[in-house]
Amino acid sequence: MKLLWRAYERLAMLLGLGGLAVACLGWLPFALVLHPFLSRQRARHLGRRAIQRGFRGYVWFLEYCCACRFDLTALDSLPAAGPLVVVANHPSLLDAVLILSRLPNAVCVMKASLLDNILFGAGARMAGYIANDAPLKVVLESRQALQEGAQLVIFPEGSRTGNFPLDPCQATAALIARRAGVPLQAVLIEFSSPYLGKVWPLFRPPRLPLRCQVRLGQRLPAEGDVMALTHALENILRSARNPLPAEPR
């Protein structure tokens, strides 16, 4: 039985990674064809909705086919809250997928290289996602998106967590919130396993069942000193409970 379960974990890994590739490639031709012919506002509305629904379907697939257990109900209250800077810790490659699956009008600050990635680039550009390669550009474009009513998703560590429970947070999220005059909403992501973390090889099978809970932390008003806001946010995110990276089996 142990050998069978190990084989299933490997199969679940392949199904999970393959399912994400299929979902992204499935939207790719539509994003490429539709984007040039739609107004900016219409393209971004459609692009964000498509990503939200596609990722929601992908999360459902992981739950029913890959022995994953996600508790994301805390995120369901956020769409009605209006413009927010949604700030989360970053233990896994799945983090953005989980958050975006519940936010229909979200803009994500992402690595610039992903905008040229065949899986994510066309859909991300259509949705108006923001590359993190130029700090001033990030702040200005993020403020504009928030003023238009979007919710901004940003991982203030700048990359997946390397030193658990949290790497030092950059001040970008607090600066954006101050400039836009919108609150910072802390989101705590907690996994049962460090699967797809920074030191977990991409093709190393997970330990199943994989459990994840997403909790809402404190919502901070965009007031006071930017560095003080950043330190307050870092203290909140540091309370997320995640296992330390494990040695290979």
C-alpha atoms as a PDB file:
ATOM      1  CA  MET A   1       0.000   0.000   0.000  1.00  0.00           C
ATOM      2  CA  LYS A   2       2.862   2.364   0.761  1.00  0.00           C
ATOM      3  CA  LEU A   3       4.349   1.769  -2.684  1.00  0.00           C
ATOM      4  CA  LEU A   4       0.965   2.329  -4.317  1.00  0.00           C
ATOM      5  CA  TRP A   5       0.509   5.571  -2.414  1.00  0.00           C
ATOM      6  CA  ARG A   6       3.973   6.759  -3.479  1.00  0.00           C
ATOM      7  CA  ALA A   7       3.045   5.970  -7.085  1.00  0.00           C
ATOM      8  CA  TYR A   8      -0.192   7.936  -6.687  1.00  0.00           C
ATOM      9  CA  GLU A   9       1.734  10.919  -5.270  1.00  0.00           C
ATOM     10  CA  ARG A  10       3.913  10.931  -8.379  1.00  0.00           C
ATOM     11  CA  LEU A  11       0.861  10.643 -10.638  1.00  0.00           C
ATOM     12  CA  ALA A  12      -0.888  13.451  -8.740  1.00  0.00           C
ATOM     13  CA  MET A  13       2.185  15.654  -9.224  1.00  0.00           C
ATOM     14  CA  LEU A  14       2.149  15.062 -12.985  1.00  0.00           C
ATOM     15  CA  LEU A  15      -1.605  15.646 -13.182  1.00  0.00           C
ATOM     16  CA  GLY A  16      -1.323  18.833 -11.143  1.00  0.00           C
ATOM     17  CA  LEU A  17       1.520  20.351 -13.136  1.00  0.00           C
ATOM     18  CA  GLY A  18       0.022  19.198 -16.417  1.00  0.00           C
ATOM     19  CA  GLY A  19      -3.405  20.537 -15.479  1.00  0.00           C
ATOM     20  CA  LEU A  20      -1.997  24.017 -14.896  1.00  0.00           C
ATOM     21  CA  ALA A  21      -0.202  23.940 -18.238  1.00  0.00           C
ATOM     22  CA  VAL A  22      -3.385  22.835 -20.028  1.00  0.00           C
ATOM     23  CA  ALA A  23      -5.465  25.551 -18.330  1.00  0.00           C
ATOM     24  CA  CYS A  24      -3.008  28.286 -19.306  1.00  0.00           C
ATOM     25  CA  LEU A  25      -2.479  27.024 -22.856  1.00  0.00           C
ATOM     26  CA  GLY A  26      -6.238  26.701 -23.275  1.00  0.00           C
ATOM     27  CA  TRP A  27      -6.710  30.419 -22.637  1.00  0.00           C
ATOM     28  CA  LEU A  28      -3.621  31.464 -24.641  1.00  0.00           C
ATOM     29  CA  PRO A  29      -5.177  31.590 -28.166  1.00  0.00           C
ATOM     30  CA  PHE A  30      -8.229  33.488 -26.908  1.00  0.00           C
ATOM     31  CA  ALA A  31      -6.056  36.048 -25.111  1.00  0.00           C
ATOM     32  CA  LEU A  32      -3.870  36.514 -28.195  1.00  0.00           C
ATOM     33  CA  VAL A  33      -6.813  36.923 -30.571  1.00  0.00           C
ATOM     34  CA  LEU A  34      -9.186  38.973 -28.405  1.00  0.00           C
ATOM     35  CA  HIS A  35      -6.782  41.369 -26.721  1.00  0.00           C
ATOM     36  CA  PRO A  36      -5.974  43.568 -29.771  1.00  0.00           C
ATOM     37  CA  PHE A  37      -9.657  44.041 -30.617  1.00  0.00           C
ATOM     38  CA  LEU A  38     -11.015  44.949 -27.192  1.00  0.00           C
ATOM     39  CA  SER A  39     -10.910  48.242 -25.389  1.00  0.00           C
ATOM     40  CA  ARG A  40      -8.447  48.450 -22.510  1.00  0.00           C
ATOM     41  CA  GLN A  41     -11.219  48.328 -19.934  1.00  0.00           C
ATOM     42  CA  ARG A  42     -13.040  45.424 -21.570  1.00  0.00           C
ATOM     43  CA  ALA A  43      -9.835  43.427 -22.114  1.00  0.00           C
ATOM     44  CA  ARG A  44      -8.821  43.748 -18.478  1.00  0.00           C
ATOM     45  CA  HIS A  45     -12.274  42.881 -17.179  1.00  0.00           C
ATOM     46  CA  LEU A  46     -12.467  39.784 -19.378  1.00  0.00           C
ATOM     47  CA  GLY A  47      -8.838  38.806 -18.720  1.00  0.00           C
ATOM     48  CA  ARG A  48      -9.203  38.985 -14.935  1.00  0.00           C
ATOM     49  CA  ARG A  49     -12.480  37.082 -14.944  1.00  0.00           C
ATOM     50  CA  ALA A  50     -11.009  34.371 -17.148  1.00  0.00           C
ATOM     51  CA  ILE A  51      -8.014  33.928 -14.842  1.00  0.00           C
ATOM     52  CA  GLN A  52     -10.216  33.831 -11.743  1.00  0.00           C
ATOM     53  CA  ARG A  53     -12.561  31.223 -13.186  1.00  0.00           C
ATOM     54  CA  GLY A  54      -9.765  29.194 -14.755  1.00  0.00           C
ATOM     55  CA  PHE A  55      -7.813  29.066 -11.499  1.00  0.00           C
ATOM     56  CA  ARG A  56     -10.988  28.264  -9.560  1.00  0.00           C
ATOM     57  CA  GLY A  57     -11.541  25.283 -11.845  1.00  0.00           C
ATOM     58  CA  TYR A  58      -7.914  24.263 -11.440  1.00  0.00           C
ATOM     59  CA  VAL A  59      -8.211  24.359  -7.636  1.00  0.00           C
ATOM     60  CA  TRP A  60     -11.312  22.155  -7.920  1.00  0.00           C
ATOM     61  CA  PHE A  61      -9.290  19.736 -10.104  1.00  0.00           C
ATOM     62  CA  LEU A  62      -6.503  19.564  -7.498  1.00  0.00           C
ATOM     63  CA  GLU A  63      -9.024  18.846  -4.757  1.00  0.00           C
ATOM     64  CA  TYR A  64     -10.881  16.073  -6.565  1.00  0.00           C
ATOM     65  CA  CYS A  65      -8.068  14.435  -8.515  1.00  0.00           C
ATOM     66  CA  CYS A  66      -4.846  15.141  -6.617  1.00  0.00           C
ATOM     67  CA  ALA A  67      -5.727  14.708  -2.910  1.00  0.00           C
ATOM     68  CA  CYS A  68      -5.393  18.408  -2.095  1.00  0.00           C
ATOM     69  CA  ARG A  69      -7.489  20.041   0.601  1.00  0.00           C
ATOM     70  CA  PHE A  70      -7.858  23.817   0.375  1.00  0.00           C
ATOM     71  CA  ASP A  71      -9.711  26.045   2.817  1.00  0.00           C
ATOM     72  CA  LEU A  72     -10.034  29.369   0.981  1.00  0.00           C
ATOM     73  CA  THR A  73     -13.350  30.550   2.437  1.00  0.00           C
ATOM     74  CA  ALA A  74     -11.692  33.486   4.218  1.00  0.00           C
ATOM     75  CA  LEU A  75     -10.995  35.052   0.812  1.00  0.00           C
ATOM     76  CA  ASP A  76     -14.654  35.078  -0.215  1.00  0.00           C
ATOM     77  CA  SER A  77     -15.347  38.295   1.698  1.00  0.00           C
ATOM     78  CA  LEU A  78     -12.650  40.312  -0.078  1.00  0.00           C
ATOM     79  CA  PRO A  79     -14.302  41.077  -3.459  1.00  0.00           C
ATOM     80  CA  ALA A  80     -17.008  43.122  -1.708  1.00  0.00           C
ATOM     81  CA  ALA A  81     -14.423  45.136   0.238  1.00  0.00           C
ATOM     82  CA  GLY A  82     -13.464  47.352  -2.692  1.00  0.00           C
ATOM     83  CA  PRO A  83      -9.909  48.387  -3.573  1.00  0.00           C
ATOM     84  CA  LEU A  84      -7.301  46.745  -1.346  1.00  0.00           C
ATOM     85  CA  VAL A  85      -3.609  45.962  -1.432  1.00  0.00           C
ATOM     86  CA  VAL A  86      -3.748  42.223  -0.706  1.00  0.00           C
ATOM     87  CA  VAL A  87      -0.407  41.249   0.811  1.00  0.00           C
ATOM     88  CA  ALA A  88       0.493  37.598   1.424  1.00  0.00           C
ATOM     89  CA  ASN A  89       3.385  35.432   2.499  1.00  0.00           C
ATOM     90  CA  HIS A  90       4.800  33.239  -0.262  1.00  0.00           C
ATOM     91  CA  PRO A  91       5.610  29.648   0.775  1.00  0.00           C
ATOM     92  CA  SER A  92       4.672  27.958  -2.527  1.00  0.00           C
ATOM     93  CA  LEU A  93       4.242  28.342  -6.277  1.00  0.00           C
ATOM     94  CA  LEU A  94       0.523  27.770  -5.709  1.00  0.00           C
ATOM     95  CA  ASP A  95       0.010  30.945  -3.657  1.00  0.00           C
ATOM     96  CA  ALA A  96      -0.983  33.296  -6.477  1.00  0.00           C
ATOM     97  CA  VAL A  97      -3.256  30.638  -8.009  1.00  0.00           C
ATOM     98  CA  LEU A  98      -5.154  30.206  -4.733  1.00  0.00           C
ATOM     99  CA  ILE A  99      -5.655  33.932  -4.101  1.00  0.00           C
ATOM    100  CA  LEU A 100      -6.531  34.843  -7.682  1.00  0.00           C
ATOM    101  CA  SER A 101      -9.076  32.004  -7.836  1.00  0.00           C
ATOM    102  CA  ARG A 102     -11.253  33.984  -5.388  1.00  0.00           C
ATOM    103  CA  LEU A 103     -10.734  37.568  -6.599  1.00  0.00           C
ATOM    104  CA  PRO A 104     -12.527  38.399  -9.878  1.00  0.00           C
ATOM    105  CA  ASN A 105     -11.012  41.887 -10.235  1.00  0.00           C
ATOM    106  CA  ALA A 106      -7.449  41.309  -9.125  1.00  0.00           C
ATOM    107  CA  VAL A 107      -4.203  42.686 -10.512  1.00  0.00           C
ATOM    108  CA  CYS A 108      -1.047  40.798  -9.606  1.00  0.00           C
ATOM    109  CA  VAL A 109       2.463  42.214  -9.293  1.00  0.00           C
ATOM    110  CA  MET A 110       4.585  39.493 -10.852  1.00  0.00           C
ATOM    111  CA  LYS A 111       8.096  38.727 -12.031  1.00  0.00           C
ATOM    112  CA  ALA A 112       8.802  40.492 -15.310  1.00  0.00           C
ATOM    113  CA  SER A 113      10.069  37.268 -16.875  1.00  0.00           C
ATOM    114  CA  LEU A 114       6.624  35.681 -16.489  1.00  0.00           C
ATOM    115  CA  LEU A 115       5.116  38.252 -18.857  1.00  0.00           C
ATOM    116  CA  ASP A 116       7.190  36.638 -21.612  1.00  0.00           C
ATOM    117  CA  ASN A 117       6.384  33.099 -20.500  1.00  0.00           C
ATOM    118  CA  ILE A 118       4.326  31.121 -23.026  1.00  0.00           C
ATOM    119  CA  LEU A 119       2.011  29.803 -20.302  1.00  0.00           C
ATOM    120  CA  PHE A 120       1.273  33.035 -18.450  1.00  0.00           C
ATOM    121  CA  GLY A 121       2.357  35.981 -20.590  1.00  0.00           C
ATOM    122  CA  ALA A 122      -0.575  36.630 -22.912  1.00  0.00           C
ATOM    123  CA  GLY A 123      -3.220  36.177 -20.220  1.00  0.00           C
ATOM    124  CA  ALA A 124      -1.285  38.310 -17.717  1.00  0.00           C
ATOM    125  CA  ARG A 125      -0.846  41.174 -20.190  1.00  0.00           C
ATOM    126  CA  MET A 126      -4.533  41.080 -21.112  1.00  0.00           C
ATOM    127  CA  ALA A 127      -5.481  41.245 -17.426  1.00  0.00           C
ATOM    128  CA  GLY A 128      -3.201  44.233 -16.864  1.00  0.00           C
ATOM    129  CA  TYR A 129      -0.808  42.491 -14.482  1.00  0.00           C
ATOM    130  CA  ILE A 130       2.227  44.517 -13.445  1.00  0.00           C
ATOM    131  CA  ALA A 131       5.883  43.542 -13.927  1.00  0.00           C
ATOM    132  CA  ASN A 132       8.128  44.073 -10.923  1.00  0.00           C
ATOM    133  CA  ASP A 133      11.209  45.175 -12.880  1.00  0.00           C
ATOM    134  CA  ALA A 134      10.941  48.964 -12.324  1.00  0.00           C
ATOM    135  CA  PRO A 135       9.920  50.161  -8.820  1.00  0.00           C
ATOM    136  CA  LEU A 136       8.505  53.540  -9.869  1.00  0.00           C
ATOM    137  CA  LYS A 137       6.498  51.920 -12.665  1.00  0.00           C
ATOM    138  CA  VAL A 138       5.140  49.339 -10.205  1.00  0.00           C
ATOM    139  CA  VAL A 139       3.950  52.069  -7.829  1.00  0.00           C
ATOM    140  CA  LEU A 140       2.357  54.213 -10.544  1.00  0.00           C
ATOM    141  CA  GLU A 141       0.611  51.360 -12.365  1.00  0.00           C
ATOM    142  CA  SER A 142      -0.564  49.819  -9.102  1.00  0.00           C
ATOM    143  CA  ARG A 143      -2.025  53.115  -7.932  1.00  0.00           C
ATOM    144  CA  GLN A 144      -3.870  53.515 -11.221  1.00  0.00           C
ATOM    145  CA  ALA A 145      -5.315  49.992 -10.999  1.00  0.00           C
ATOM    146  CA  LEU A 146      -6.498  50.600  -7.424  1.00  0.00           C
ATOM    147  CA  GLN A 147      -8.060  53.929  -8.380  1.00  0.00           C
ATOM    148  CA  GLU A 148      -9.976  52.076 -11.094  1.00  0.00           C
ATOM    149  CA  GLY A 149     -11.431  49.736  -8.447  1.00  0.00           C
ATOM    150  CA  ALA A 150      -9.154  46.698  -8.743  1.00  0.00           C
ATOM    151  CA  GLN A 151      -7.595  44.754  -5.891  1.00  0.00           C
ATOM    152  CA  LEU A 152      -3.816  44.460  -6.003  1.00  0.00           C
ATOM    153  CA  VAL A 153      -2.114  41.165  -5.062  1.00  0.00           C
ATOM    154  CA  ILE A 154       1.527  41.432  -4.043  1.00  0.00           C
ATOM    155  CA  PHE A 155       4.034  39.209  -2.257  1.00  0.00           C
ATOM    156  CA  PRO A 156       6.247  41.615  -0.293  1.00  0.00           C
ATOM    157  CA  GLU A 157       9.115  39.142   0.152  1.00  0.00           C
ATOM    158  CA  GLY A 158       9.756  39.519  -3.585  1.00  0.00           C
ATOM    159  CA  SER A 159      10.143  35.756  -4.060  1.00  0.00           C
ATOM    160  CA  ARG A 160       9.097  32.516  -2.408  1.00  0.00           C
ATOM    161  CA  THR A 161      10.130  32.249   1.227  1.00  0.00           C
ATOM    162  CA  GLY A 162      13.673  31.007   1.649  1.00  0.00           C
ATOM    163  CA  ASN A 163      14.096  31.453   5.403  1.00  0.00           C
ATOM    164  CA  PHE A 164      10.939  30.354   7.185  1.00  0.00           C
ATOM    165  CA  PRO A 165       8.667  31.646   8.507  1.00  0.00           C
ATOM    166  CA  LEU A 166       9.273  34.802   6.424  1.00  0.00           C
ATOM    167  CA  ASP A 167      11.962  36.636   4.499  1.00  0.00           C
ATOM    168  CA  PRO A 168      12.326  40.404   5.052  1.00  0.00           C
ATOM    169  CA  CYS A 169       9.497  42.355   3.431  1.00  0.00           C
ATOM    170  CA  GLN A 170      10.090  45.113   0.906  1.00  0.00           C
ATOM    171  CA  ALA A 171       8.386  48.481   1.402  1.00  0.00           C
ATOM    172  CA  THR A 172       6.675  48.480  -2.008  1.00  0.00           C
ATOM    173  CA  ALA A 173       3.255  47.310  -0.790  1.00  0.00           C
ATOM    174  CA  ALA A 174       3.074  49.935   1.964  1.00  0.00           C
ATOM    175  CA  LEU A 175       4.223  52.654  -0.432  1.00  0.00           C
ATOM    176  CA  ILE A 176       1.543  51.696  -2.965  1.00  0.00           C
ATOM    177  CA  ALA A 177      -1.138  51.695  -0.275  1.00  0.00           C
ATOM    178  CA  ARG A 178      -0.062  55.144   0.946  1.00  0.00           C
ATOM    179  CA  ARG A 179       0.010  56.600  -2.571  1.00  0.00           C
ATOM    180  CA  ALA A 180      -3.379  55.114  -3.484  1.00  0.00           C
ATOM    181  CA  GLY A 181      -4.991  55.739  -0.092  1.00  0.00           C
ATOM    182  CA  VAL A 182      -6.312  52.183   0.264  1.00  0.00           C
ATOM    183  CA  PRO A 183      -5.883  49.684   3.136  1.00  0.00           C
ATOM    184  CA  LEU A 184      -3.410  46.818   3.286  1.00  0.00           C
ATOM    185  CA  GLN A 185      -5.056  43.433   3.782  1.00  0.00           C
ATOM    186  CA  ALA A 186      -2.719  40.766   5.174  1.00  0.00           C
ATOM    187  CA  VAL A 187      -3.321  37.208   3.972  1.00  0.00           C
ATOM    188  CA  LEU A 188      -1.709  34.239   5.731  1.00  0.00           C
ATOM    189  CA  ILE A 189      -1.084  31.129   3.615  1.00  0.00           C
ATOM    190  CA  GLU A 190      -0.399  27.928   5.546  1.00  0.00           C
ATOM    191  CA  PHE A 191       0.542  24.549   4.050  1.00  0.00           C
ATOM    192  CA  SER A 192       0.931  21.109   5.584  1.00  0.00           C
ATOM    193  CA  SER A 193       4.005  20.520   3.438  1.00  0.00           C
ATOM    194  CA  PRO A 194       6.636  22.768   1.814  1.00  0.00           C
ATOM    195  CA  TYR A 195       5.601  21.375  -1.604  1.00  0.00           C
ATOM    196  CA  LEU A 196       6.641  23.701  -4.453  1.00  0.00           C
ATOM    197  CA  GLY A 197       8.507  25.919  -2.017  1.00  0.00           C
ATOM    198  CA  LYS A 198      11.762  27.597  -2.945  1.00  0.00           C
ATOM    199  CA  VAL A 199      13.946  24.601  -2.058  1.00  0.00           C
ATOM    200  CA  TRP A 200      11.476  21.922  -3.223  1.00  0.00           C
ATOM    201  CA  PRO A 201      12.464  20.622  -6.692  1.00  0.00           C
ATOM    202  CA  LEU A 202       9.702  21.089  -9.243  1.00  0.00           C
ATOM    203  CA  PHE A 203       9.433  17.370 -10.064  1.00  0.00           C
ATOM    204  CA  ARG A 204       9.761  16.059  -6.530  1.00  0.00           C
ATOM    205  CA  PRO A 205       6.386  14.463  -5.627  1.00  0.00           C
ATOM    206  CA  PRO A 206       4.314  16.013  -2.837  1.00  0.00           C
ATOM    207  CA  ARG A 207       3.417  14.342   0.414  1.00  0.00           C
ATOM    208  CA  LEU A 208      -0.318  13.786   0.148  1.00  0.00           C
ATOM    209  CA  PRO A 209      -2.863  14.729   1.201  1.00  0.00           C
ATOM    210  CA  LEU A 210      -1.656  18.302   0.795  1.00  0.00           C
ATOM    211  CA  ARG A 211      -3.578  20.687   3.035  1.00  0.00           C
ATOM    212  CA  CYS A 212      -3.688  24.450   2.799  1.00  0.00           C
ATOM    213  CA  GLN A 213      -5.574  27.041   4.789  1.00  0.00           C
ATOM    214  CA  VAL A 214      -5.727  30.723   3.915  1.00  0.00           C
ATOM    215  CA  ARG A 215      -6.524  33.112   6.764  1.00  0.00           C
ATOM    216  CA  LEU A 216      -7.109  36.850   6.787  1.00  0.00           C
ATOM    217  CA  GLY A 217      -4.781  38.837   8.992  1.00  0.00           C
ATOM    218  CA  GLN A 218      -5.228  42.384  10.182  1.00  0.00           C
ATOM    219  CA  ARG A 219      -6.342  45.067   7.725  1.00  0.00           C
ATOM    220  CA  LEU A 220      -4.031  48.054   8.114  1.00  0.00           C
ATOM    221  CA  PRO A 221      -5.109  51.586   7.158  1.00  0.00           C
ATOM    222  CA  ALA A 222      -2.745  53.402   4.794  1.00  0.00           C
ATOM    223  CA  GLU A 223      -1.576  55.823   7.438  1.00  0.00           C
ATOM    224  CA  GLY A 224       1.724  56.718   9.050  1.00  0.00           C
ATOM    225  CA  ASP A 225       5.282  56.045   8.011  1.00  0.00           C
ATOM    226  CA  VAL A 226       5.867  53.608   5.139  1.00  0.00           C
ATOM    227  CA  MET A 227       8.576  51.701   7.001  1.00  0.00           C
ATOM    228  CA  ALA A 228       6.419  51.458  10.135  1.00  0.00           C
ATOM    229  CA  LEU A 229       3.606  50.041   7.998  1.00  0.00           C
ATOM    230  CA  THR A 230       6.034  47.555   6.439  1.00  0.00           C
ATOM    231  CA  HIS A 231       7.265  46.383   9.849  1.00  0.00           C
ATOM    232  CA  ALA A 232       3.675  45.994  11.097  1.00  0.00           C
ATOM    233  CA  LEU A 233       2.802  43.966   8.013  1.00  0.00           C
ATOM    234  CA  GLU A 234       5.896  41.801   8.397  1.00  0.00           C
ATOM    235  CA  ASN A 235       4.975  41.010  12.004  1.00  0.00           C
ATOM    236  CA  ILE A 236       1.493  39.909  10.916  1.00  0.00           C
ATOM    237  CA  LEU A 237       2.747  37.689   8.082  1.00  0.00           C
ATOM    238  CA  ARG A 238       5.387  36.149  10.333  1.00  0.00           C
ATOM    239  CA  SER A 239       2.580  34.473  12.311  1.00  0.00           C
ATOM    240  CA  ALA A 240       1.756  32.152   9.382  1.00  0.00           C
ATOM    241  CA  ARG A 241       2.316  28.511  10.343  1.00  0.00           C
ATOM    242  CA  ASN A 242       4.272  26.623   7.679  1.00  0.00           C
ATOM    243  CA  PRO A 243       6.596  23.607   7.985  1.00  0.00           C
ATOM    244  CA  LEU A 244      10.294  24.087   7.477  1.00  0.00           C
ATOM    245  CA  PRO A 245      11.630  22.780   4.166  1.00  0.00           C
ATOM    246  CA  ALA A 246      12.146  19.037   4.484  1.00  0.00           C
ATOM    247  CA  GLU A 247      15.060  16.945   3.343  1.00  0.00           C
ATOM    248  CA  PRO A 248      14.461  14.836   0.192  1.00  0.00           C
ATOM    249  CA  ARG A 249      13.007  11.428   0.907  1.00  0.00           C
END
